Amino acid sequence: MINIDYNTALSALNDAVAEKGVDFVYKKTETLEDEFGGDSYTVCAYLHRDEDGNLTVPGCIVGNVMVRLGVPATALVSVNTGTDARSMLRFLAAEGYITYTGKAAGLLSRVQGIQDGGIKSWSEAVVEGNDRLALTQFDGNENAVGYDG
């Protein structure tokens, strides 16, 4: 089982930034069809398709972090699109892949939200997400109510 605390999450986020480059801006690539017959639209995805069409390539920064930390890509397929970071973490924990702290969830959720806007680079998203998390003051307990709220 993979244990994800704040320091582990922040380190993996920084590694993802180093891999892609400080100016990398994530672009939505997965196209979905409107269930009511409207226009199709693109969404962020934890995984992208490889050359064979399989969902194996880390996509967004949080997908990158999960795969980087050892979560199998196959575990992310059922939550690939339309699932926020906290829900994805809860799913992976329920399936026995990970444990995580509320502070780690708070960081990943904030970074994902900034990234999904499609304007800021991954490096900016990590800095701003961490700064926003720092505004949440607790007694040092990473699982304190509020980090994951």
N, C-alpha and C. Protein backbone atom coordinates (compact mmCIF):
# COMPACT_ATOMS: atom_id res chain seq x y z
N MET A 1 0.85 -1.18 0.00
CA MET A 1 0.00 0.00 0.00
C MET A 1 0.90 1.24 0.00
N ILE A 2 0.48 2.23 -0.74
CA ILE A 2 1.25 3.47 -0.89
C ILE A 2 0.71 4.49 0.11
N ASN A 3 1.59 5.05 0.93
CA ASN A 3 1.20 6.05 1.92
C ASN A 3 1.55 7.44 1.38
N ILE A 4 0.53 8.29 1.28
CA ILE A 4 0.74 9.63 0.73
C ILE A 4 0.46 10.67 1.81
N ASP A 5 1.52 11.29 2.29
CA ASP A 5 1.37 12.40 3.22
C ASP A 5 1.72 13.69 2.47
N TYR A 6 1.66 14.79 3.15
CA TYR A 6 1.92 16.10 2.52
C TYR A 6 3.28 16.15 1.86
N ASN A 7 4.33 15.74 2.57
CA ASN A 7 5.69 15.83 2.01
C ASN A 7 5.85 14.94 0.78
N THR A 8 5.26 13.76 0.82
CA THR A 8 5.31 12.85 -0.33
C THR A 8 4.60 13.47 -1.52
N ALA A 9 3.41 14.04 -1.29
CA ALA A 9 2.65 14.67 -2.37
C ALA A 9 3.41 15.85 -2.95
N LEU A 10 3.95 16.71 -2.09
CA LEU A 10 4.67 17.89 -2.57
C LEU A 10 5.91 17.49 -3.36
N SER A 11 6.63 16.51 -2.88
CA SER A 11 7.82 16.04 -3.59
C SER A 11 7.46 15.49 -4.97
N ALA A 12 6.40 14.70 -5.05
CA ALA A 12 5.98 14.13 -6.33
C ALA A 12 5.48 15.22 -7.28
N LEU A 13 4.78 16.22 -6.74
CA LEU A 13 4.35 17.36 -7.56
C LEU A 13 5.56 18.08 -8.14
N ASN A 14 6.56 18.33 -7.31
CA ASN A 14 7.76 19.00 -7.77
C ASN A 14 8.52 18.17 -8.81
N ASP A 15 8.52 16.86 -8.64
CA ASP A 15 9.15 15.97 -9.62
C ASP A 15 8.40 16.03 -10.95
N ALA A 16 7.09 16.10 -10.89
CA ALA A 16 6.29 16.21 -12.12
C ALA A 16 6.60 17.51 -12.85
N VAL A 17 6.72 18.60 -12.10
CA VAL A 17 7.08 19.89 -12.69
C VAL A 17 8.46 19.81 -13.33
N ALA A 18 9.41 19.19 -12.64
CA ALA A 18 10.77 19.07 -13.18
C ALA A 18 10.77 18.26 -14.48
N GLU A 19 9.94 17.24 -14.53
CA GLU A 19 9.87 16.40 -15.73
C GLU A 19 9.31 17.16 -16.93
N LYS A 20 8.24 17.92 -16.72
CA LYS A 20 7.56 18.62 -17.81
C LYS A 20 8.16 19.98 -18.12
N GLY A 21 8.82 20.58 -17.14
CA GLY A 21 9.37 21.93 -17.32
C GLY A 21 8.50 22.95 -16.60
N VAL A 22 9.13 24.01 -16.11
CA VAL A 22 8.42 24.98 -15.27
C VAL A 22 7.34 25.74 -16.03
N ASP A 23 7.40 25.80 -17.34
CA ASP A 23 6.42 26.55 -18.12
C ASP A 23 5.30 25.68 -18.68
N PHE A 24 5.30 24.38 -18.38
CA PHE A 24 4.30 23.48 -18.95
C PHE A 24 2.90 23.81 -18.44
N VAL A 25 1.97 24.00 -19.38
CA VAL A 25 0.56 24.23 -19.07
C VAL A 25 -0.23 23.04 -19.62
N TYR A 26 -0.97 22.38 -18.75
CA TYR A 26 -1.75 21.21 -19.14
C TYR A 26 -2.95 21.63 -19.98
N LYS A 27 -3.17 20.92 -21.06
CA LYS A 27 -4.32 21.15 -21.93
C LYS A 27 -5.25 19.95 -21.87
N LYS A 28 -6.53 20.22 -21.79
CA LYS A 28 -7.52 19.15 -21.77
C LYS A 28 -7.46 18.40 -23.10
N THR A 29 -7.49 17.06 -23.03
CA THR A 29 -7.34 16.27 -24.25
C THR A 29 -8.43 15.23 -24.46
N GLU A 30 -9.10 14.81 -23.41
CA GLU A 30 -10.11 13.78 -23.54
C GLU A 30 -11.43 14.41 -23.97
N THR A 31 -11.99 13.91 -25.05
CA THR A 31 -13.24 14.44 -25.59
C THR A 31 -14.39 13.54 -25.16
N LEU A 32 -15.41 14.15 -24.60
CA LEU A 32 -16.62 13.43 -24.19
C LEU A 32 -17.81 13.94 -25.00
N GLU A 33 -18.76 13.07 -25.19
CA GLU A 33 -19.99 13.45 -25.88
C GLU A 33 -21.02 13.87 -24.83
N ASP A 34 -21.73 14.94 -25.11
CA ASP A 34 -22.79 15.39 -24.21
C ASP A 34 -23.87 14.32 -24.15
N GLU A 35 -24.25 13.91 -22.95
CA GLU A 35 -25.22 12.83 -22.79
C GLU A 35 -26.62 13.21 -23.26
N PHE A 36 -26.87 14.50 -23.47
CA PHE A 36 -28.18 14.95 -23.92
C PHE A 36 -28.17 15.35 -25.40
N GLY A 37 -27.13 14.94 -26.12
CA GLY A 37 -27.07 15.19 -27.55
C GLY A 37 -26.47 16.53 -27.94
N GLY A 38 -25.92 17.25 -26.99
CA GLY A 38 -25.28 18.53 -27.29
C GLY A 38 -23.90 18.33 -27.88
N ASP A 39 -23.16 19.40 -27.94
CA ASP A 39 -21.81 19.35 -28.49
C ASP A 39 -20.88 18.54 -27.60
N SER A 40 -19.87 17.93 -28.20
CA SER A 40 -18.85 17.25 -27.41
C SER A 40 -17.98 18.31 -26.74
N TYR A 41 -17.23 17.89 -25.74
CA TYR A 41 -16.40 18.82 -24.98
C TYR A 41 -15.16 18.09 -24.48
N THR A 42 -14.12 18.86 -24.18
CA THR A 42 -12.88 18.26 -23.68
C THR A 42 -12.80 18.44 -22.17
N VAL A 43 -12.16 17.46 -21.54
CA VAL A 43 -12.02 17.47 -20.08
C VAL A 43 -10.59 17.09 -19.71
N CYS A 44 -10.24 17.40 -18.48
CA CYS A 44 -8.97 16.95 -17.93
C CYS A 44 -9.09 15.46 -17.61
N ALA A 45 -7.95 14.78 -17.65
CA ALA A 45 -7.96 13.35 -17.38
C ALA A 45 -6.70 12.96 -16.61
N TYR A 46 -6.87 12.03 -15.70
CA TYR A 46 -5.72 11.52 -14.96
C TYR A 46 -4.78 10.75 -15.89
N LEU A 47 -5.36 10.08 -16.90
CA LEU A 47 -4.58 9.30 -17.86
C LEU A 47 -4.93 9.71 -19.28
N HIS A 48 -3.95 9.63 -20.16
CA HIS A 48 -4.17 9.83 -21.59
C HIS A 48 -3.91 8.51 -22.30
N ARG A 49 -4.30 8.46 -23.55
CA ARG A 49 -4.15 7.24 -24.34
C ARG A 49 -2.74 7.11 -24.91
N ASP A 50 -2.25 5.86 -24.90
CA ASP A 50 -0.95 5.59 -25.53
C ASP A 50 -1.17 5.37 -27.02
N GLU A 51 -0.12 5.01 -27.75
CA GLU A 51 -0.21 4.86 -29.20
C GLU A 51 -1.16 3.74 -29.61
N ASP A 52 -1.47 2.82 -28.70
CA ASP A 52 -2.41 1.74 -28.98
C ASP A 52 -3.83 2.06 -28.53
N GLY A 53 -4.04 3.26 -27.99
CA GLY A 53 -5.37 3.67 -27.55
C GLY A 53 -5.72 3.30 -26.13
N ASN A 54 -4.76 2.75 -25.39
CA ASN A 54 -5.01 2.36 -24.00
C ASN A 54 -4.70 3.51 -23.05
N LEU A 55 -5.46 3.60 -21.97
CA LEU A 55 -5.25 4.65 -20.97
C LEU A 55 -4.10 4.23 -20.06
N THR A 56 -2.88 4.63 -20.43
CA THR A 56 -1.70 4.25 -19.66
C THR A 56 -0.75 5.41 -19.39
N VAL A 57 -0.92 6.52 -20.09
CA VAL A 57 0.02 7.63 -20.02
C VAL A 57 -0.49 8.65 -19.00
N PRO A 58 0.31 9.00 -17.99
CA PRO A 58 -0.13 10.01 -17.03
C PRO A 58 -0.53 11.30 -17.75
N GLY A 59 -1.68 11.85 -17.34
CA GLY A 59 -2.18 13.06 -17.98
C GLY A 59 -1.98 14.29 -17.13
N CYS A 60 -2.98 14.64 -16.35
CA CYS A 60 -2.90 15.85 -15.52
C CYS A 60 -1.86 15.66 -14.42
N ILE A 61 -1.57 16.72 -13.71
CA ILE A 61 -0.51 16.66 -12.69
C ILE A 61 -0.83 15.66 -11.58
N VAL A 62 -2.09 15.54 -11.19
CA VAL A 62 -2.43 14.60 -10.13
C VAL A 62 -2.34 13.16 -10.64
N GLY A 63 -2.72 12.92 -11.89
CA GLY A 63 -2.52 11.61 -12.50
C GLY A 63 -1.05 11.27 -12.57
N ASN A 64 -0.25 12.25 -12.93
CA ASN A 64 1.20 12.08 -12.98
C ASN A 64 1.73 11.68 -11.60
N VAL A 65 1.28 12.38 -10.57
CA VAL A 65 1.71 12.10 -9.19
C VAL A 65 1.31 10.68 -8.78
N MET A 66 0.08 10.29 -9.06
CA MET A 66 -0.37 8.96 -8.64
C MET A 66 0.48 7.86 -9.30
N VAL A 67 0.70 7.96 -10.60
CA VAL A 67 1.51 6.95 -11.30
C VAL A 67 2.96 7.01 -10.81
N ARG A 68 3.46 8.21 -10.62
CA ARG A 68 4.84 8.40 -10.13
C ARG A 68 5.03 7.74 -8.75
N LEU A 69 3.99 7.75 -7.93
CA LEU A 69 4.08 7.16 -6.59
C LEU A 69 3.83 5.65 -6.59
N GLY A 70 3.47 5.11 -7.75
CA GLY A 70 3.32 3.66 -7.86
C GLY A 70 1.91 3.14 -8.01
N VAL A 71 0.92 4.03 -8.12
CA VAL A 71 -0.45 3.58 -8.36
C VAL A 71 -0.52 3.07 -9.80
N PRO A 72 -1.00 1.85 -10.01
CA PRO A 72 -1.09 1.34 -11.38
C PRO A 72 -2.09 2.16 -12.20
N ALA A 73 -1.75 2.40 -13.45
CA ALA A 73 -2.65 3.15 -14.32
C ALA A 73 -4.02 2.49 -14.38
N THR A 74 -4.07 1.18 -14.34
CA THR A 74 -5.35 0.47 -14.41
C THR A 74 -6.27 0.85 -13.25
N ALA A 75 -5.70 1.24 -12.12
CA ALA A 75 -6.51 1.64 -10.96
C ALA A 75 -7.20 2.98 -11.19
N LEU A 76 -6.65 3.80 -12.08
CA LEU A 76 -7.20 5.13 -12.33
C LEU A 76 -8.24 5.16 -13.45
N VAL A 77 -8.33 4.11 -14.22
CA VAL A 77 -9.19 4.12 -15.41
C VAL A 77 -10.64 4.45 -15.06
N SER A 78 -11.19 3.86 -14.02
CA SER A 78 -12.61 4.06 -13.72
C SER A 78 -12.92 5.44 -13.15
N VAL A 79 -11.89 6.20 -12.75
CA VAL A 79 -12.10 7.56 -12.25
C VAL A 79 -11.36 8.57 -13.13
N ASN A 80 -11.07 8.19 -14.36
CA ASN A 80 -10.19 8.97 -15.21
C ASN A 80 -10.68 10.38 -15.50
N THR A 81 -11.96 10.54 -15.76
CA THR A 81 -12.51 11.87 -16.05
C THR A 81 -13.71 12.13 -15.15
N GLY A 82 -13.94 13.39 -14.86
CA GLY A 82 -15.12 13.77 -14.09
C GLY A 82 -15.02 13.48 -12.60
N THR A 83 -13.84 13.17 -12.12
CA THR A 83 -13.65 12.86 -10.70
C THR A 83 -12.62 13.81 -10.11
N ASP A 84 -13.00 14.54 -9.08
CA ASP A 84 -12.05 15.47 -8.46
C ASP A 84 -11.01 14.69 -7.66
N ALA A 85 -9.94 15.38 -7.27
CA ALA A 85 -8.82 14.72 -6.60
C ALA A 85 -9.24 14.02 -5.31
N ARG A 86 -10.07 14.67 -4.51
CA ARG A 86 -10.46 14.05 -3.24
C ARG A 86 -11.25 12.77 -3.46
N SER A 87 -12.17 12.80 -4.43
CA SER A 87 -12.96 11.60 -4.73
C SER A 87 -12.08 10.48 -5.27
N MET A 88 -11.10 10.85 -6.11
CA MET A 88 -10.17 9.87 -6.65
C MET A 88 -9.36 9.24 -5.53
N LEU A 89 -8.87 10.06 -4.59
CA LEU A 89 -8.10 9.53 -3.46
C LEU A 89 -8.95 8.60 -2.61
N ARG A 90 -10.19 8.99 -2.34
CA ARG A 90 -11.08 8.12 -1.55
C ARG A 90 -11.30 6.78 -2.26
N PHE A 91 -11.49 6.83 -3.57
CA PHE A 91 -11.68 5.61 -4.36
C PHE A 91 -10.45 4.71 -4.25
N LEU A 92 -9.26 5.28 -4.48
CA LEU A 92 -8.03 4.48 -4.42
C LEU A 92 -7.80 3.90 -3.03
N ALA A 93 -8.15 4.66 -2.00
CA ALA A 93 -8.02 4.15 -0.63
C ALA A 93 -8.99 3.00 -0.38
N ALA A 94 -10.23 3.16 -0.83
CA ALA A 94 -11.23 2.12 -0.65
C ALA A 94 -10.85 0.84 -1.39
N GLU A 95 -10.15 0.99 -2.50
CA GLU A 95 -9.71 -0.17 -3.28
C GLU A 95 -8.41 -0.78 -2.74
N GLY A 96 -7.82 -0.14 -1.72
CA GLY A 96 -6.63 -0.69 -1.08
C GLY A 96 -5.31 -0.33 -1.72
N TYR A 97 -5.31 0.65 -2.60
CA TYR A 97 -4.06 1.06 -3.25
C TYR A 97 -3.25 2.04 -2.41
N ILE A 98 -3.93 2.93 -1.71
CA ILE A 98 -3.24 4.00 -1.00
C ILE A 98 -3.85 4.25 0.38
N THR A 99 -3.08 4.95 1.20
CA THR A 99 -3.60 5.69 2.34
C THR A 99 -3.12 7.12 2.11
N TYR A 100 -3.81 8.07 2.68
CA TYR A 100 -3.42 9.46 2.48
C TYR A 100 -3.86 10.30 3.65
N THR A 101 -3.17 11.41 3.83
CA THR A 101 -3.54 12.34 4.90
C THR A 101 -4.45 13.42 4.31
N GLY A 102 -5.19 14.06 5.18
CA GLY A 102 -6.04 15.16 4.75
C GLY A 102 -5.25 16.30 4.16
N LYS A 103 -4.06 16.54 4.69
CA LYS A 103 -3.23 17.63 4.18
C LYS A 103 -2.75 17.32 2.77
N ALA A 104 -2.40 16.08 2.51
CA ALA A 104 -2.01 15.69 1.15
C ALA A 104 -3.19 15.86 0.20
N ALA A 105 -4.38 15.44 0.63
CA ALA A 105 -5.58 15.60 -0.21
C ALA A 105 -5.86 17.07 -0.47
N GLY A 106 -5.70 17.89 0.55
CA GLY A 106 -5.93 19.33 0.38
C GLY A 106 -4.97 19.94 -0.63
N LEU A 107 -3.71 19.54 -0.56
CA LEU A 107 -2.72 20.05 -1.51
C LEU A 107 -3.04 19.60 -2.93
N LEU A 108 -3.25 18.31 -3.12
CA LEU A 108 -3.52 17.79 -4.46
C LEU A 108 -4.79 18.39 -5.05
N SER A 109 -5.81 18.56 -4.22
CA SER A 109 -7.06 19.14 -4.68
C SER A 109 -6.88 20.59 -5.13
N ARG A 110 -6.16 21.35 -4.35
CA ARG A 110 -5.93 22.76 -4.70
C ARG A 110 -5.10 22.89 -5.98
N VAL A 111 -4.06 22.08 -6.10
CA VAL A 111 -3.21 22.13 -7.30
C VAL A 111 -4.02 21.71 -8.53
N GLN A 112 -4.82 20.66 -8.38
CA GLN A 112 -5.65 20.22 -9.50
C GLN A 112 -6.61 21.31 -9.95
N GLY A 113 -7.24 21.97 -9.01
CA GLY A 113 -8.19 23.03 -9.35
C GLY A 113 -7.54 24.16 -10.13
N ILE A 114 -6.34 24.53 -9.74
CA ILE A 114 -5.62 25.60 -10.43
C ILE A 114 -5.20 25.13 -11.82
N GLN A 115 -4.65 23.93 -11.90
CA GLN A 115 -4.24 23.37 -13.19
C GLN A 115 -5.42 23.28 -14.16
N ASP A 116 -6.57 22.84 -13.67
CA ASP A 116 -7.72 22.62 -14.55
C ASP A 116 -8.24 23.89 -15.19
N GLY A 117 -7.84 25.04 -14.65
CA GLY A 117 -8.22 26.30 -15.28
C GLY A 117 -7.58 26.49 -16.64
N GLY A 118 -6.48 25.76 -16.90
CA GLY A 118 -5.83 25.77 -18.19
C GLY A 118 -5.02 27.01 -18.52
N ILE A 119 -4.77 27.84 -17.51
CA ILE A 119 -4.04 29.08 -17.76
C ILE A 119 -2.65 29.05 -17.12
N LYS A 120 -2.59 28.52 -15.92
CA LYS A 120 -1.33 28.55 -15.17
C LYS A 120 -0.51 27.28 -15.43
N SER A 121 0.82 27.46 -15.36
CA SER A 121 1.71 26.32 -15.53
C SER A 121 1.63 25.41 -14.31
N TRP A 122 2.16 24.19 -14.48
CA TRP A 122 2.18 23.27 -13.35
C TRP A 122 2.99 23.86 -12.21
N SER A 123 4.09 24.54 -12.51
CA SER A 123 4.90 25.11 -11.43
C SER A 123 4.11 26.18 -10.68
N GLU A 124 3.37 27.00 -11.41
CA GLU A 124 2.53 28.02 -10.75
C GLU A 124 1.43 27.37 -9.93
N ALA A 125 0.85 26.29 -10.45
CA ALA A 125 -0.23 25.60 -9.74
C ALA A 125 0.27 25.02 -8.42
N VAL A 126 1.48 24.46 -8.42
CA VAL A 126 2.04 23.88 -7.20
C VAL A 126 2.31 24.97 -6.17
N VAL A 127 2.92 26.05 -6.60
CA VAL A 127 3.22 27.15 -5.66
C VAL A 127 1.93 27.74 -5.11
N GLU A 128 0.99 28.06 -5.99
CA GLU A 128 -0.26 28.68 -5.54
C GLU A 128 -1.10 27.72 -4.70
N GLY A 129 -1.15 26.46 -5.09
CA GLY A 129 -1.90 25.47 -4.30
C GLY A 129 -1.32 25.31 -2.91
N ASN A 130 -0.01 25.27 -2.82
CA ASN A 130 0.66 25.16 -1.52
C ASN A 130 0.43 26.41 -0.69
N ASP A 131 0.48 27.57 -1.33
CA ASP A 131 0.21 28.83 -0.62
C ASP A 131 -1.22 28.86 -0.07
N ARG A 132 -2.17 28.40 -0.89
CA ARG A 132 -3.57 28.36 -0.42
C ARG A 132 -3.73 27.40 0.75
N LEU A 133 -3.05 26.27 0.66
CA LEU A 133 -3.12 25.29 1.76
C LEU A 133 -2.55 25.88 3.04
N ALA A 134 -1.50 26.69 2.90
CA ALA A 134 -0.85 27.30 4.07
C ALA A 134 -1.79 28.24 4.81
N LEU A 135 -2.80 28.75 4.12
CA LEU A 135 -3.78 29.63 4.76
C LEU A 135 -4.69 28.86 5.71
N THR A 136 -4.71 27.54 5.56
CA THR A 136 -5.50 26.67 6.42
C THR A 136 -4.62 26.29 7.60
N GLN A 137 -4.88 26.84 8.76
CA GLN A 137 -4.01 26.62 9.92
C GLN A 137 -4.61 25.60 10.87
N PHE A 138 -3.80 24.62 11.19
CA PHE A 138 -4.21 23.57 12.12
C PHE A 138 -3.12 23.35 13.14
N ASP A 139 -3.31 22.38 13.98
CA ASP A 139 -2.38 22.11 15.07
C ASP A 139 -1.21 21.22 14.67
N GLY A 140 -0.94 21.08 13.40
CA GLY A 140 0.14 20.21 12.95
C GLY A 140 -0.32 18.80 12.63
N ASN A 141 -1.57 18.49 12.88
CA ASN A 141 -2.12 17.18 12.58
C ASN A 141 -2.54 17.14 11.12
N GLU A 142 -1.85 16.35 10.30
CA GLU A 142 -2.15 16.29 8.87
C GLU A 142 -3.55 15.77 8.58
N ASN A 143 -4.18 15.14 9.52
CA ASN A 143 -5.52 14.61 9.29
C ASN A 143 -6.59 15.48 9.94
N ALA A 144 -6.23 16.66 10.38
CA ALA A 144 -7.20 17.55 11.01
C ALA A 144 -8.35 17.85 10.05
N VAL A 145 -9.54 17.95 10.59
CA VAL A 145 -10.71 18.31 9.79
C VAL A 145 -10.45 19.68 9.18
N GLY A 146 -10.70 19.81 7.90
CA GLY A 146 -10.48 21.07 7.21
C GLY A 146 -9.48 20.94 6.09
N TYR A 147 -8.40 20.19 6.32
CA TYR A 147 -7.45 19.98 5.23
C TYR A 147 -8.15 19.27 4.07
N ASP A 148 -9.01 18.33 4.40
CA ASP A 148 -9.68 17.55 3.37
C ASP A 148 -11.10 18.05 3.14
N GLY A 149 -11.35 19.28 3.51
CA GLY A 149 -12.72 19.78 3.37
C GLY A 149 -12.83 20.90 2.41
